[in-house]
């Protein structure tokens, strides 16, 4: 399976591209597990592409901004103030850890419906 890549859609406004972050929680993985990768944010979606040589497709994800119900800050293990928790309208939860999270939280809150 090919390594996932990120390509913008026509007319899509990019806010963050290749921002280094860690994903700590996603629906396809049970429990909290640190997965390093790159974050992409546009006015239409949020994408996390895991870095590594193998197995990255199964832990990479993309969500639509319109499907996000709420955004909140949280801590990442063990207790660092870098976390952003995104809860989807269907109850799925994604958690990422990223430096300078406040600018991302502010931007996401301004774009979710």
PDB file of N, CA and C in Angstrom:
ATOM      1  N   UNK A   1       0.843  -1.174   0.000  1.00  0.00           N
ATOM      2  CA  UNK A   1       0.000   0.000   0.000  1.00  0.00           C
ATOM      3  C   UNK A   1       0.891   1.242   0.000  1.00  0.00           C
ATOM      4  N   UNK A   2       0.547   2.206  -0.818  1.00  0.00           N
ATOM      5  CA  UNK A   2       1.344   3.425  -0.938  1.00  0.00           C
ATOM      6  C   UNK A   2       1.190   4.303   0.304  1.00  0.00           C
ATOM      7  N   UNK A   3       2.228   5.050   0.595  1.00  0.00           N
ATOM      8  CA  UNK A   3       2.208   5.973   1.726  1.00  0.00           C
ATOM      9  C   UNK A   3       1.233   7.113   1.404  1.00  0.00           C
ATOM     10  N   UNK A   4       0.354   7.479   2.340  1.00  0.00           N
ATOM     11  CA  UNK A   4      -0.617   8.544   2.081  1.00  0.00           C
ATOM     12  C   UNK A   4       0.060   9.890   1.817  1.00  0.00           C
ATOM     13  N   UNK A   5      -0.534  10.662   0.935  1.00  0.00           N
ATOM     14  CA  UNK A   5      -0.060  12.015   0.642  1.00  0.00           C
ATOM     15  C   UNK A   5      -1.234  12.973   0.774  1.00  0.00           C
ATOM     16  N   UNK A   6      -0.930  14.249   0.919  1.00  0.00           N
ATOM     17  CA  UNK A   6      -1.974  15.263   1.041  1.00  0.00           C
ATOM     18  C   UNK A   6      -1.959  16.149  -0.195  1.00  0.00           C
ATOM     19  N   UNK A   7      -3.105  16.278  -0.804  1.00  0.00           N
ATOM     20  CA  UNK A   7      -3.253  17.165  -1.956  1.00  0.00           C
ATOM     21  C   UNK A   7      -4.452  18.060  -1.708  1.00  0.00           C
ATOM     22  N   UNK A   8      -4.286  19.346  -1.985  1.00  0.00           N
ATOM     23  CA  UNK A   8      -5.390  20.273  -1.777  1.00  0.00           C
ATOM     24  C   UNK A   8      -6.443  20.096  -2.860  1.00  0.00           C
ATOM     25  N   UNK A   9      -7.657  20.418  -2.489  1.00  0.00           N
ATOM     26  CA  UNK A   9      -8.780  20.409  -3.423  1.00  0.00           C
ATOM     27  C   UNK A   9      -8.827  21.765  -4.119  1.00  0.00           C
ATOM     28  N   UNK A  10      -9.460  21.852  -5.269  1.00  0.00           N
ATOM     29  CA  UNK A  10      -9.583  23.155  -5.936  1.00  0.00           C
ATOM     30  C   UNK A  10     -10.290  24.161  -5.027  1.00  0.00           C
ATOM     31  N   UNK A  11      -9.702  25.338  -4.887  1.00  0.00           N
ATOM     32  CA  UNK A  11     -10.279  26.413  -4.089  1.00  0.00           C
ATOM     33  C   UNK A  11     -10.127  26.269  -2.585  1.00  0.00           C
ATOM     34  N   UNK A  12      -9.400  25.280  -2.143  1.00  0.00           N
ATOM     35  CA  UNK A  12      -9.225  25.037  -0.714  1.00  0.00           C
ATOM     36  C   UNK A  12      -8.188  26.005  -0.131  1.00  0.00           C
ATOM     37  N   UNK A  13      -8.514  26.610   1.018  1.00  0.00           N
ATOM     38  CA  UNK A  13      -7.609  27.543   1.702  1.00  0.00           C
ATOM     39  C   UNK A  13      -6.804  26.780   2.750  1.00  0.00           C
ATOM     40  N   UNK A  14      -5.477  26.803   2.635  1.00  0.00           N
ATOM     41  CA  UNK A  14      -4.608  26.060   3.551  1.00  0.00           C
ATOM     42  C   UNK A  14      -4.204  26.948   4.725  1.00  0.00           C
ATOM     43  N   UNK A  15      -4.373  26.428   5.940  1.00  0.00           N
ATOM     44  CA  UNK A  15      -3.942  27.131   7.143  1.00  0.00           C
ATOM     45  C   UNK A  15      -2.639  26.544   7.675  1.00  0.00           C
ATOM     46  N   UNK A  16      -2.542  25.230   7.732  1.00  0.00           N
ATOM     47  CA  UNK A  16      -1.338  24.556   8.235  1.00  0.00           C
ATOM     48  C   UNK A  16      -0.954  23.454   7.261  1.00  0.00           C
ATOM     49  N   UNK A  17       0.324  23.381   6.972  1.00  0.00           N
ATOM     50  CA  UNK A  17       0.821  22.368   6.044  1.00  0.00           C
ATOM     51  C   UNK A  17       2.115  21.782   6.581  1.00  0.00           C
ATOM     52  N   UNK A  18       2.157  20.478   6.720  1.00  0.00           N
ATOM     53  CA  UNK A  18       3.326  19.751   7.210  1.00  0.00           C
ATOM     54  C   UNK A  18       3.758  20.193   8.607  1.00  0.00           C
ATOM     55  N   UNK A  19       2.784  20.548   9.452  1.00  0.00           N
ATOM     56  CA  UNK A  19       3.094  20.925  10.832  1.00  0.00           C
ATOM     57  C   UNK A  19       3.376  19.646  11.624  1.00  0.00           C
ATOM     58  N   UNK A  20       4.528  19.583  12.254  1.00  0.00           N
ATOM     59  CA  UNK A  20       4.888  18.398  13.032  1.00  0.00           C
ATOM     60  C   UNK A  20       3.983  18.232  14.237  1.00  0.00           C
ATOM     61  N   UNK A  21       3.417  17.055  14.401  1.00  0.00           N
ATOM     62  CA  UNK A  21       2.554  16.802  15.557  1.00  0.00           C
ATOM     63  C   UNK A  21       2.512  15.306  15.850  1.00  0.00           C
ATOM     64  N   UNK A  22       1.911  14.971  16.967  1.00  0.00           N
ATOM     65  CA  UNK A  22       1.698  13.577  17.341  1.00  0.00           C
ATOM     66  C   UNK A  22       0.206  13.345  17.482  1.00  0.00           C
ATOM     67  N   UNK A  23      -0.249  12.217  17.026  1.00  0.00           N
ATOM     68  CA  UNK A  23      -1.637  11.828  17.229  1.00  0.00           C
ATOM     69  C   UNK A  23      -1.660  10.867  18.412  1.00  0.00           C
ATOM     70  N   UNK A  24      -2.533  11.143  19.378  1.00  0.00           N
ATOM     71  CA  UNK A  24      -2.620  10.321  20.584  1.00  0.00           C
ATOM     72  C   UNK A  24      -3.887   9.486  20.638  1.00  0.00           C
ATOM     73  N   UNK A  25      -4.908   9.896  19.888  1.00  0.00           N
ATOM     74  CA  UNK A  25      -6.162   9.151  19.924  1.00  0.00           C
ATOM     75  C   UNK A  25      -6.862   9.279  18.586  1.00  0.00           C
ATOM     76  N   UNK A  26      -7.381   8.143  18.102  1.00  0.00           N
ATOM     77  CA  UNK A  26      -8.156   8.102  16.865  1.00  0.00           C
ATOM     78  C   UNK A  26      -9.045   6.870  16.922  1.00  0.00           C
ATOM     79  N   UNK A  27     -10.173   6.876  16.221  1.00  0.00           N
ATOM     80  CA  UNK A  27     -11.104   5.745  16.309  1.00  0.00           C
ATOM     81  C   UNK A  27     -10.513   4.390  15.922  1.00  0.00           C
ATOM     82  N   UNK A  28      -9.579   4.359  14.982  1.00  0.00           N
ATOM     83  CA  UNK A  28      -9.071   3.067  14.507  1.00  0.00           C
ATOM     84  C   UNK A  28      -8.011   2.444  15.415  1.00  0.00           C
ATOM     85  N   UNK A  29      -7.617   3.124  16.496  1.00  0.00           N
ATOM     86  CA  UNK A  29      -6.631   2.577  17.435  1.00  0.00           C
ATOM     87  C   UNK A  29      -7.237   2.587  18.838  1.00  0.00           C
ATOM     88  N   UNK A  30      -7.197   1.457  19.517  1.00  0.00           N
ATOM     89  CA  UNK A  30      -7.734   1.355  20.874  1.00  0.00           C
ATOM     90  C   UNK A  30      -6.718   1.929  21.858  1.00  0.00           C
ATOM     91  N   UNK A  31      -7.202   2.775  22.776  1.00  0.00           N
ATOM     92  CA  UNK A  31      -6.318   3.375  23.773  1.00  0.00           C
ATOM     93  C   UNK A  31      -5.541   4.550  23.208  1.00  0.00           C
ATOM     94  N   UNK A  32      -4.637   5.068  24.028  1.00  0.00           N
ATOM     95  CA  UNK A  32      -3.806   6.197  23.605  1.00  0.00           C
ATOM     96  C   UNK A  32      -2.433   5.686  23.225  1.00  0.00           C
ATOM     97  N   UNK A  33      -2.004   6.046  22.042  1.00  0.00           N
ATOM     98  CA  UNK A  33      -0.711   5.620  21.519  1.00  0.00           C
ATOM     99  C   UNK A  33      -0.111   6.786  20.744  1.00  0.00           C
ATOM    100  N   UNK A  34       1.129   7.117  20.984  1.00  0.00           N
ATOM    101  CA  UNK A  34       1.772   8.239  20.307  1.00  0.00           C
ATOM    102  C   UNK A  34       2.214   7.820  18.911  1.00  0.00           C
ATOM    103  N   UNK A  35       1.679   8.541  17.913  1.00  0.00           N
ATOM    104  CA  UNK A  35       2.053   8.304  16.519  1.00  0.00           C
ATOM    105  C   UNK A  35       2.495   9.643  15.945  1.00  0.00           C
ATOM    106  N   UNK A  36       3.739   9.744  15.536  1.00  0.00           N
ATOM    107  CA  UNK A  36       4.270  10.992  14.988  1.00  0.00           C
ATOM    108  C   UNK A  36       3.870  11.149  13.530  1.00  0.00           C
ATOM    109  N   UNK A  37       3.715  12.406  13.124  1.00  0.00           N
ATOM    110  CA  UNK A  37       3.347  12.662  11.740  1.00  0.00           C
ATOM    111  C   UNK A  37       3.263  14.141  11.436  1.00  0.00           C
ATOM    112  N   UNK A  38       2.545  14.455  10.378  1.00  0.00           N
ATOM    113  CA  UNK A  38       2.373  15.832   9.915  1.00  0.00           C
ATOM    114  C   UNK A  38       0.890  16.174   9.887  1.00  0.00           C
ATOM    115  N   UNK A  39       0.584  17.411  10.279  1.00  0.00           N
ATOM    116  CA  UNK A  39      -0.788  17.901  10.320  1.00  0.00           C
ATOM    117  C   UNK A  39      -1.023  18.867   9.168  1.00  0.00           C
ATOM    118  N   UNK A  40      -2.177  18.735   8.556  1.00  0.00           N
ATOM    119  CA  UNK A  40      -2.612  19.634   7.487  1.00  0.00           C
ATOM    120  C   UNK A  40      -3.992  20.143   7.874  1.00  0.00           C
ATOM    121  N   UNK A  41      -4.195  21.461   7.758  1.00  0.00           N
ATOM    122  CA  UNK A  41      -5.498  22.049   8.061  1.00  0.00           C
ATOM    123  C   UNK A  41      -5.889  22.978   6.933  1.00  0.00           C
ATOM    124  N   UNK A  42      -7.118  22.806   6.460  1.00  0.00           N
ATOM    125  CA  UNK A  42      -7.645  23.704   5.438  1.00  0.00           C
ATOM    126  C   UNK A  42      -9.020  24.170   5.896  1.00  0.00           C
ATOM    127  N   UNK A  43      -9.633  25.033   5.123  1.00  0.00           N
ATOM    128  CA  UNK A  43     -10.972  25.495   5.464  1.00  0.00           C
ATOM    129  C   UNK A  43     -12.020  24.398   5.276  1.00  0.00           C
ATOM    130  N   UNK A  44     -11.621  23.237   4.729  1.00  0.00           N
ATOM    131  CA  UNK A  44     -12.557  22.138   4.501  1.00  0.00           C
ATOM    132  C   UNK A  44     -12.269  20.894   5.336  1.00  0.00           C
ATOM    133  N   UNK A  45     -11.017  20.687   5.745  1.00  0.00           N
ATOM    134  CA  UNK A  45     -10.674  19.435   6.419  1.00  0.00           C
ATOM    135  C   UNK A  45      -9.417  19.542   7.268  1.00  0.00           C
ATOM    136  N   UNK A  46      -9.244  18.531   8.113  1.00  0.00           N
ATOM    137  CA  UNK A  46      -8.044  18.354   8.926  1.00  0.00           C
ATOM    138  C   UNK A  46      -7.511  16.972   8.577  1.00  0.00           C
ATOM    139  N   UNK A  47      -6.217  16.882   8.293  1.00  0.00           N
ATOM    140  CA  UNK A  47      -5.619  15.593   7.938  1.00  0.00           C
ATOM    141  C   UNK A  47      -4.365  15.365   8.765  1.00  0.00           C
ATOM    142  N   UNK A  48      -4.169  14.120   9.172  1.00  0.00           N
ATOM    143  CA  UNK A  48      -2.958  13.697   9.868  1.00  0.00           C
ATOM    144  C   UNK A  48      -2.339  12.581   9.047  1.00  0.00           C
ATOM    145  N   UNK A  49      -1.102  12.786   8.619  1.00  0.00           N
ATOM    146  CA  UNK A  49      -0.379  11.763   7.875  1.00  0.00           C
ATOM    147  C   UNK A  49       0.760  11.259   8.747  1.00  0.00           C
ATOM    148  N   UNK A  50       0.657  10.012   9.154  1.00  0.00           N
ATOM    149  CA  UNK A  50       1.675   9.408  10.010  1.00  0.00           C
ATOM    150  C   UNK A  50       2.993   9.306   9.263  1.00  0.00           C
ATOM    151  N   UNK A  51       4.089   9.505   9.994  1.00  0.00           N
ATOM    152  CA  UNK A  51       5.409   9.357   9.380  1.00  0.00           C
ATOM    153  C   UNK A  51       5.952   7.983   9.745  1.00  0.00           C
ATOM    154  N   UNK A  52       6.872   7.513   8.963  1.00  0.00           N
ATOM    155  CA  UNK A  52       7.430   6.183   9.181  1.00  0.00           C
ATOM    156  C   UNK A  52       7.580   5.468   7.853  1.00  0.00           C
ATOM    157  N   UNK A  53       8.176   4.302   7.904  1.00  0.00           N
ATOM    158  CA  UNK A  53       8.431   3.562   6.675  1.00  0.00           C
ATOM    159  C   UNK A  53       7.304   2.618   6.297  1.00  0.00           C
ATOM    160  N   UNK A  54       6.690   1.971   7.271  1.00  0.00           N
ATOM    161  CA  UNK A  54       5.622   1.010   6.975  1.00  0.00           C
ATOM    162  C   UNK A  54       4.435   1.217   7.909  1.00  0.00           C
ATOM    163  N   UNK A  55       3.265   0.814   7.464  1.00  0.00           N
ATOM    164  CA  UNK A  55       2.075   0.861   8.300  1.00  0.00           C
ATOM    165  C   UNK A  55       1.474   2.226   8.524  1.00  0.00           C
ATOM    166  N   UNK A  56       1.889   3.226   7.760  1.00  0.00           N
ATOM    167  CA  UNK A  56       1.395   4.582   8.005  1.00  0.00           C
ATOM    168  C   UNK A  56      -0.032   4.788   7.513  1.00  0.00           C
ATOM    169  N   UNK A  57      -0.448   4.069   6.490  1.00  0.00           N
ATOM    170  CA  UNK A  57      -1.796   4.257   5.945  1.00  0.00           C
ATOM    171  C   UNK A  57      -2.878   3.926   6.969  1.00  0.00           C
ATOM    172  N   UNK A  58      -2.652   2.914   7.793  1.00  0.00           N
ATOM    173  CA  UNK A  58      -3.674   2.488   8.752  1.00  0.00           C
ATOM    174  C   UNK A  58      -3.855   3.458   9.911  1.00  0.00           C
ATOM    175  N   UNK A  59      -2.889   4.329  10.153  1.00  0.00           N
ATOM    176  CA  UNK A  59      -2.988   5.281  11.261  1.00  0.00           C
ATOM    177  C   UNK A  59      -2.988   6.734  10.788  1.00  0.00           C
ATOM    178  N   UNK A  60      -3.141   6.950   9.502  1.00  0.00           N
ATOM    179  CA  UNK A  60      -3.325   8.295   8.953  1.00  0.00           C
ATOM    180  C   UNK A  60      -4.828   8.517   8.810  1.00  0.00           C
ATOM    181  N   UNK A  61      -5.261   9.754   8.925  1.00  0.00           N
ATOM    182  CA  UNK A  61      -6.691  10.035   8.824  1.00  0.00           C
ATOM    183  C   UNK A  61      -6.950  11.426   8.273  1.00  0.00           C
ATOM    184  N   UNK A  62      -8.193  11.623   7.842  1.00  0.00           N
ATOM    185  CA  UNK A  62      -8.650  12.903   7.313  1.00  0.00           C
ATOM    186  C   UNK A  62     -10.098  13.079   7.745  1.00  0.00           C
ATOM    187  N   UNK A  63     -10.418  14.256   8.291  1.00  0.00           N
ATOM    188  CA  UNK A  63     -11.787  14.534   8.713  1.00  0.00           C
ATOM    189  C   UNK A  63     -12.242  15.851   8.101  1.00  0.00           C
ATOM    190  N   UNK A  64     -13.527  15.954   7.856  1.00  0.00           N
ATOM    191  CA  UNK A  64     -14.108  17.172   7.300  1.00  0.00           C
ATOM    192  C   UNK A  64     -14.390  18.151   8.438  1.00  0.00           C
ATOM    193  N   UNK A  65     -14.081  19.423   8.220  1.00  0.00           N
ATOM    194  CA  UNK A  65     -14.340  20.469   9.221  1.00  0.00           C
ATOM    195  C   UNK A  65     -15.821  20.473   9.606  1.00  0.00           C
ATOM    196  N   UNK A  66     -16.701  20.306   8.631  1.00  0.00           N
ATOM    197  CA  UNK A  66     -18.151  20.357   8.886  1.00  0.00           C
ATOM    198  C   UNK A  66     -18.620  19.241   9.818  1.00  0.00           C
ATOM    199  N   UNK A  67     -17.824  18.176   9.970  1.00  0.00           N
ATOM    200  CA  UNK A  67     -18.199  17.052  10.829  1.00  0.00           C
ATOM    201  C   UNK A  67     -17.707  17.197  12.269  1.00  0.00           C
ATOM    202  N   UNK A  68     -16.934  18.247  12.562  1.00  0.00           N
ATOM    203  CA  UNK A  68     -16.414  18.459  13.917  1.00  0.00           C
ATOM    204  C   UNK A  68     -17.479  19.152  14.760  1.00  0.00           C
ATOM    205  N   UNK A  69     -17.830  18.538  15.887  1.00  0.00           N
ATOM    206  CA  UNK A  69     -18.835  19.106  16.790  1.00  0.00           C
ATOM    207  C   UNK A  69     -18.207  20.056  17.798  1.00  0.00           C
ATOM    208  N   UNK A  70     -17.016  19.696  18.315  1.00  0.00           N
ATOM    209  CA  UNK A  70     -16.378  20.547  19.323  1.00  0.00           C
ATOM    210  C   UNK A  70     -14.870  20.362  19.329  1.00  0.00           C
ATOM    211  N   UNK A  71     -14.210  21.401  19.815  1.00  0.00           N
ATOM    212  CA  UNK A  71     -12.751  21.438  19.950  1.00  0.00           C
ATOM    213  C   UNK A  71     -12.458  21.833  21.389  1.00  0.00           C
ATOM    214  N   UNK A  72     -11.521  21.140  22.026  1.00  0.00           N
ATOM    215  CA  UNK A  72     -11.102  21.583  23.357  1.00  0.00           C
ATOM    216  C   UNK A  72      -9.625  21.273  23.549  1.00  0.00           C
ATOM    217  N   UNK A  73      -8.997  22.023  24.435  1.00  0.00           N
ATOM    218  CA  UNK A  73      -7.599  21.763  24.760  1.00  0.00           C
ATOM    219  C   UNK A  73      -7.550  20.685  25.831  1.00  0.00           C
ATOM    220  N   UNK A  74      -6.443  19.966  25.857  1.00  0.00           N
ATOM    221  CA  UNK A  74      -6.256  18.895  26.834  1.00  0.00           C
ATOM    222  C   UNK A  74      -4.756  18.681  27.015  1.00  0.00           C
ATOM    223  N   UNK A  75      -4.404  17.768  27.881  1.00  0.00           N
ATOM    224  CA  UNK A  75      -2.991  17.438  28.054  1.00  0.00           C
ATOM    225  C   UNK A  75      -2.679  16.165  27.275  1.00  0.00           C
ATOM    226  N   UNK A  76      -1.415  16.043  26.884  1.00  0.00           N
ATOM    227  CA  UNK A  76      -0.952  14.806  26.256  1.00  0.00           C
ATOM    228  C   UNK A  76      -0.090  14.083  27.282  1.00  0.00           C
ATOM    229  N   UNK A  77      -0.055  12.756  27.225  1.00  0.00           N
ATOM    230  CA  UNK A  77       0.725  12.003  28.213  1.00  0.00           C
ATOM    231  C   UNK A  77       2.191  12.434  28.253  1.00  0.00           C
ATOM    232  N   UNK A  78       2.803  12.505  29.430  1.00  0.00           N
ATOM    233  CA  UNK A  78       2.175  12.237  30.711  1.00  0.00           C
ATOM    234  C   UNK A  78       1.306  13.391  31.203  1.00  0.00           C
ATOM    235  N   UNK A  79       1.685  14.634  30.993  1.00  0.00           N
ATOM    236  CA  UNK A  79       0.832  15.768  31.407  1.00  0.00           C
ATOM    237  C   UNK A  79       1.304  17.073  30.762  1.00  0.00           C
ATOM    238  N   UNK A  80       1.553  17.033  29.461  1.00  0.00           N
ATOM    239  CA  UNK A  80       2.030  18.220  28.743  1.00  0.00           C
ATOM    240  C   UNK A  80       0.852  18.993  28.146  1.00  0.00           C
ATOM    241  N   UNK A  81       0.895  20.337  28.196  1.00  0.00           N
ATOM    242  CA  UNK A  81      -0.228  21.149  27.709  1.00  0.00           C
ATOM    243  C   UNK A  81      -0.179  21.405  26.200  1.00  0.00           C
ATOM    244  N   UNK A  82      -0.137  20.344  25.415  1.00  0.00           N
ATOM    245  CA  UNK A  82      -0.032  20.478  23.957  1.00  0.00           C
ATOM    246  C   UNK A  82      -1.238  19.910  23.217  1.00  0.00           C
ATOM    247  N   UNK A  83      -2.194  19.318  23.928  1.00  0.00           N
ATOM    248  CA  UNK A  83      -3.261  18.552  23.287  1.00  0.00           C
ATOM    249  C   UNK A  83      -4.416  19.365  22.743  1.00  0.00           C
ATOM    250  N   UNK A  84      -4.966  18.860  21.634  1.00  0.00           N
ATOM    251  CA  UNK A  84      -6.208  19.363  21.050  1.00  0.00           C
ATOM    252  C   UNK A  84      -7.100  18.143  20.834  1.00  0.00           C
ATOM    253  N   UNK A  85      -8.282  18.179  21.424  1.00  0.00           N
ATOM    254  CA  UNK A  85      -9.229  17.080  21.258  1.00  0.00           C
ATOM    255  C   UNK A  85     -10.365  17.538  20.351  1.00  0.00           C
ATOM    256  N   UNK A  86     -10.595  16.781  19.289  1.00  0.00           N
ATOM    257  CA  UNK A  86     -11.658  17.084  18.332  1.00  0.00           C
ATOM    258  C   UNK A  86     -12.712  15.990  18.436  1.00  0.00           C
ATOM    259  N   UNK A  87     -13.923  16.375  18.813  1.00  0.00           N
ATOM    260  CA  UNK A  87     -15.029  15.429  18.909  1.00  0.00           C
ATOM    261  C   UNK A  87     -15.922  15.631  17.693  1.00  0.00           C
ATOM    262  N   UNK A  88     -16.199  14.537  17.020  1.00  0.00           N
ATOM    263  CA  UNK A  88     -16.999  14.583  15.803  1.00  0.00           C
ATOM    264  C   UNK A  88     -18.487  14.520  16.146  1.00  0.00           C
ATOM    265  N   UNK A  89     -19.323  14.900  15.206  1.00  0.00           N
ATOM    266  CA  UNK A  89     -20.776  14.872  15.406  1.00  0.00           C
ATOM    267  C   UNK A  89     -21.293  13.455  15.674  1.00  0.00           C
ATOM    268  N   UNK A  90     -20.578  12.446  15.180  1.00  0.00           N
ATOM    269  CA  UNK A  90     -20.999  11.057  15.399  1.00  0.00           C
ATOM    270  C   UNK A  90     -20.370  10.436  16.657  1.00  0.00           C
ATOM    271  N   UNK A  91     -19.630  11.247  17.437  1.00  0.00           N
ATOM    272  CA  UNK A  91     -19.052  10.773  18.690  1.00  0.00           C
ATOM    273  C   UNK A  91     -17.601  10.319  18.616  1.00  0.00           C
ATOM    274  N   UNK A  92     -17.054  10.153  17.414  1.00  0.00           N
ATOM    275  CA  UNK A  92     -15.642   9.769  17.301  1.00  0.00           C
ATOM    276  C   UNK A  92     -14.776  10.888  17.881  1.00  0.00           C
ATOM    277  N   UNK A  93     -13.627  10.507  18.442  1.00  0.00           N
ATOM    278  CA  UNK A  93     -12.730  11.488  19.061  1.00  0.00           C
ATOM    279  C   UNK A  93     -11.323  11.315  18.499  1.00  0.00           C
ATOM    280  N   UNK A  94     -10.708  12.445  18.157  1.00  0.00           N
ATOM    281  CA  UNK A  94      -9.321  12.494  17.700  1.00  0.00           C
ATOM    282  C   UNK A  94      -8.570  13.418  18.647  1.00  0.00           C
ATOM    283  N   UNK A  95      -7.338  13.047  19.018  1.00  0.00           N
ATOM    284  CA  UNK A  95      -6.526  13.909  19.869  1.00  0.00           C
ATOM    285  C   UNK A  95      -5.129  14.015  19.282  1.00  0.00           C
ATOM    286  N   UNK A  96      -4.693  15.259  19.107  1.00  0.00           N
ATOM    287  CA  UNK A  96      -3.340  15.504  18.615  1.00  0.00           C
ATOM    288  C   UNK A  96      -2.584  16.340  19.632  1.00  0.00           C
ATOM    289  N   UNK A  97      -1.275  16.239  19.602  1.00  0.00           N
ATOM    290  CA  UNK A  97      -0.403  17.062  20.423  1.00  0.00           C
ATOM    291  C   UNK A  97       0.459  17.898  19.497  1.00  0.00           C
ATOM    292  N   UNK A  98       0.427  19.213  19.691  1.00  0.00           N
ATOM    293  CA  UNK A  98       1.171  20.106  18.806  1.00  0.00           C
ATOM    294  C   UNK A  98       1.624  21.335  19.588  1.00  0.00           C
ATOM    295  N   UNK A  99       2.827  21.784  19.312  1.00  0.00           N
ATOM    296  CA  UNK A  99       3.344  22.994  19.952  1.00  0.00           C
ATOM    297  C   UNK A  99       2.544  24.201  19.457  1.00  0.00           C
ATOM    298  N   UNK A 100       2.435  25.217  20.302  1.00  0.00           N
ATOM    299  CA  UNK A 100       1.698  26.442  19.977  1.00  0.00           C
ATOM    300  C   UNK A 100       0.260  26.123  19.572  1.00  0.00           C
ATOM    301  N   UNK A 101      -0.368  25.257  20.340  1.00  0.00           N
ATOM    302  CA  UNK A 101      -1.703  24.767  19.995  1.00  0.00           C
ATOM    303  C   UNK A 101      -2.769  25.851  19.944  1.00  0.00           C
ATOM    304  N   UNK A 102      -2.582  26.942  20.689  1.00  0.00           N
ATOM    305  CA  UNK A 102      -3.628  27.963  20.773  1.00  0.00           C
ATOM    306  C   UNK A 102      -4.018  28.527  19.412  1.00  0.00           C
ATOM    307  N   UNK A 103      -3.040  28.728  18.520  1.00  0.00           N
ATOM    308  CA  UNK A 103      -3.383  29.276  17.203  1.00  0.00           C
ATOM    309  C   UNK A 103      -4.209  28.288  16.386  1.00  0.00           C
ATOM    310  N   UNK A 104      -3.957  26.988  16.571  1.00  0.00           N
ATOM    311  CA  UNK A 104      -4.723  25.964  15.852  1.00  0.00           C
ATOM    312  C   UNK A 104      -6.137  25.850  16.425  1.00  0.00           C
ATOM    313  N   UNK A 105      -6.249  25.899  17.750  1.00  0.00           N
ATOM    314  CA  UNK A 105      -7.557  25.836  18.407  1.00  0.00           C
ATOM    315  C   UNK A 105      -8.402  27.035  17.996  1.00  0.00           C
ATOM    316  N   UNK A 106      -7.806  28.211  18.016  1.00  0.00           N
ATOM    317  CA  UNK A 106      -8.524  29.430  17.631  1.00  0.00           C
ATOM    318  C   UNK A 106      -9.013  29.329  16.188  1.00  0.00           C
ATOM    319  N   UNK A 107      -8.144  28.878  15.296  1.00  0.00           N
ATOM    320  CA  UNK A 107      -8.504  28.757  13.884  1.00  0.00           C
ATOM    321  C   UNK A 107      -9.617  27.719  13.691  1.00  0.00           C
ATOM    322  N   UNK A 108      -9.487  26.562  14.344  1.00  0.00           N
ATOM    323  CA  UNK A 108     -10.516  25.523  14.221  1.00  0.00           C
ATOM    324  C   UNK A 108     -11.862  26.010  14.749  1.00  0.00           C
ATOM    325  N   UNK A 109     -11.863  26.647  15.908  1.00  0.00           N
ATOM    326  CA  UNK A 109     -13.121  27.145  16.473  1.00  0.00           C
ATOM    327  C   UNK A 109     -13.790  28.163  15.563  1.00  0.00           C
ATOM    328  N   UNK A 110     -12.997  28.939  14.842  1.00  0.00           N
ATOM    329  CA  UNK A 110     -13.554  29.922  13.913  1.00  0.00           C
ATOM    330  C   UNK A 110     -14.145  29.264  12.664  1.00  0.00           C
ATOM    331  N   UNK A 111     -13.742  28.021  12.371  1.00  0.00           N
ATOM    332  CA  UNK A 111     -14.180  27.374  11.129  1.00  0.00           C
ATOM    333  C   UNK A 111     -15.201  26.250  11.301  1.00  0.00           C
ATOM    334  N   UNK A 112     -15.416  25.768  12.535  1.00  0.00           N
ATOM    335  CA  UNK A 112     -16.423  24.714  12.687  1.00  0.00           C
ATOM    336  C   UNK A 112     -17.810  25.352  12.732  1.00  0.00           C
ATOM    337  N   UNK A 113     -18.786  24.644  12.226  1.00  0.00           N
ATOM    338  CA  UNK A 113     -20.157  25.192  12.161  1.00  0.00           C
ATOM    339  C   UNK A 113     -20.913  24.889  13.427  1.00  0.00           C
TER     340      UNK A 113
END
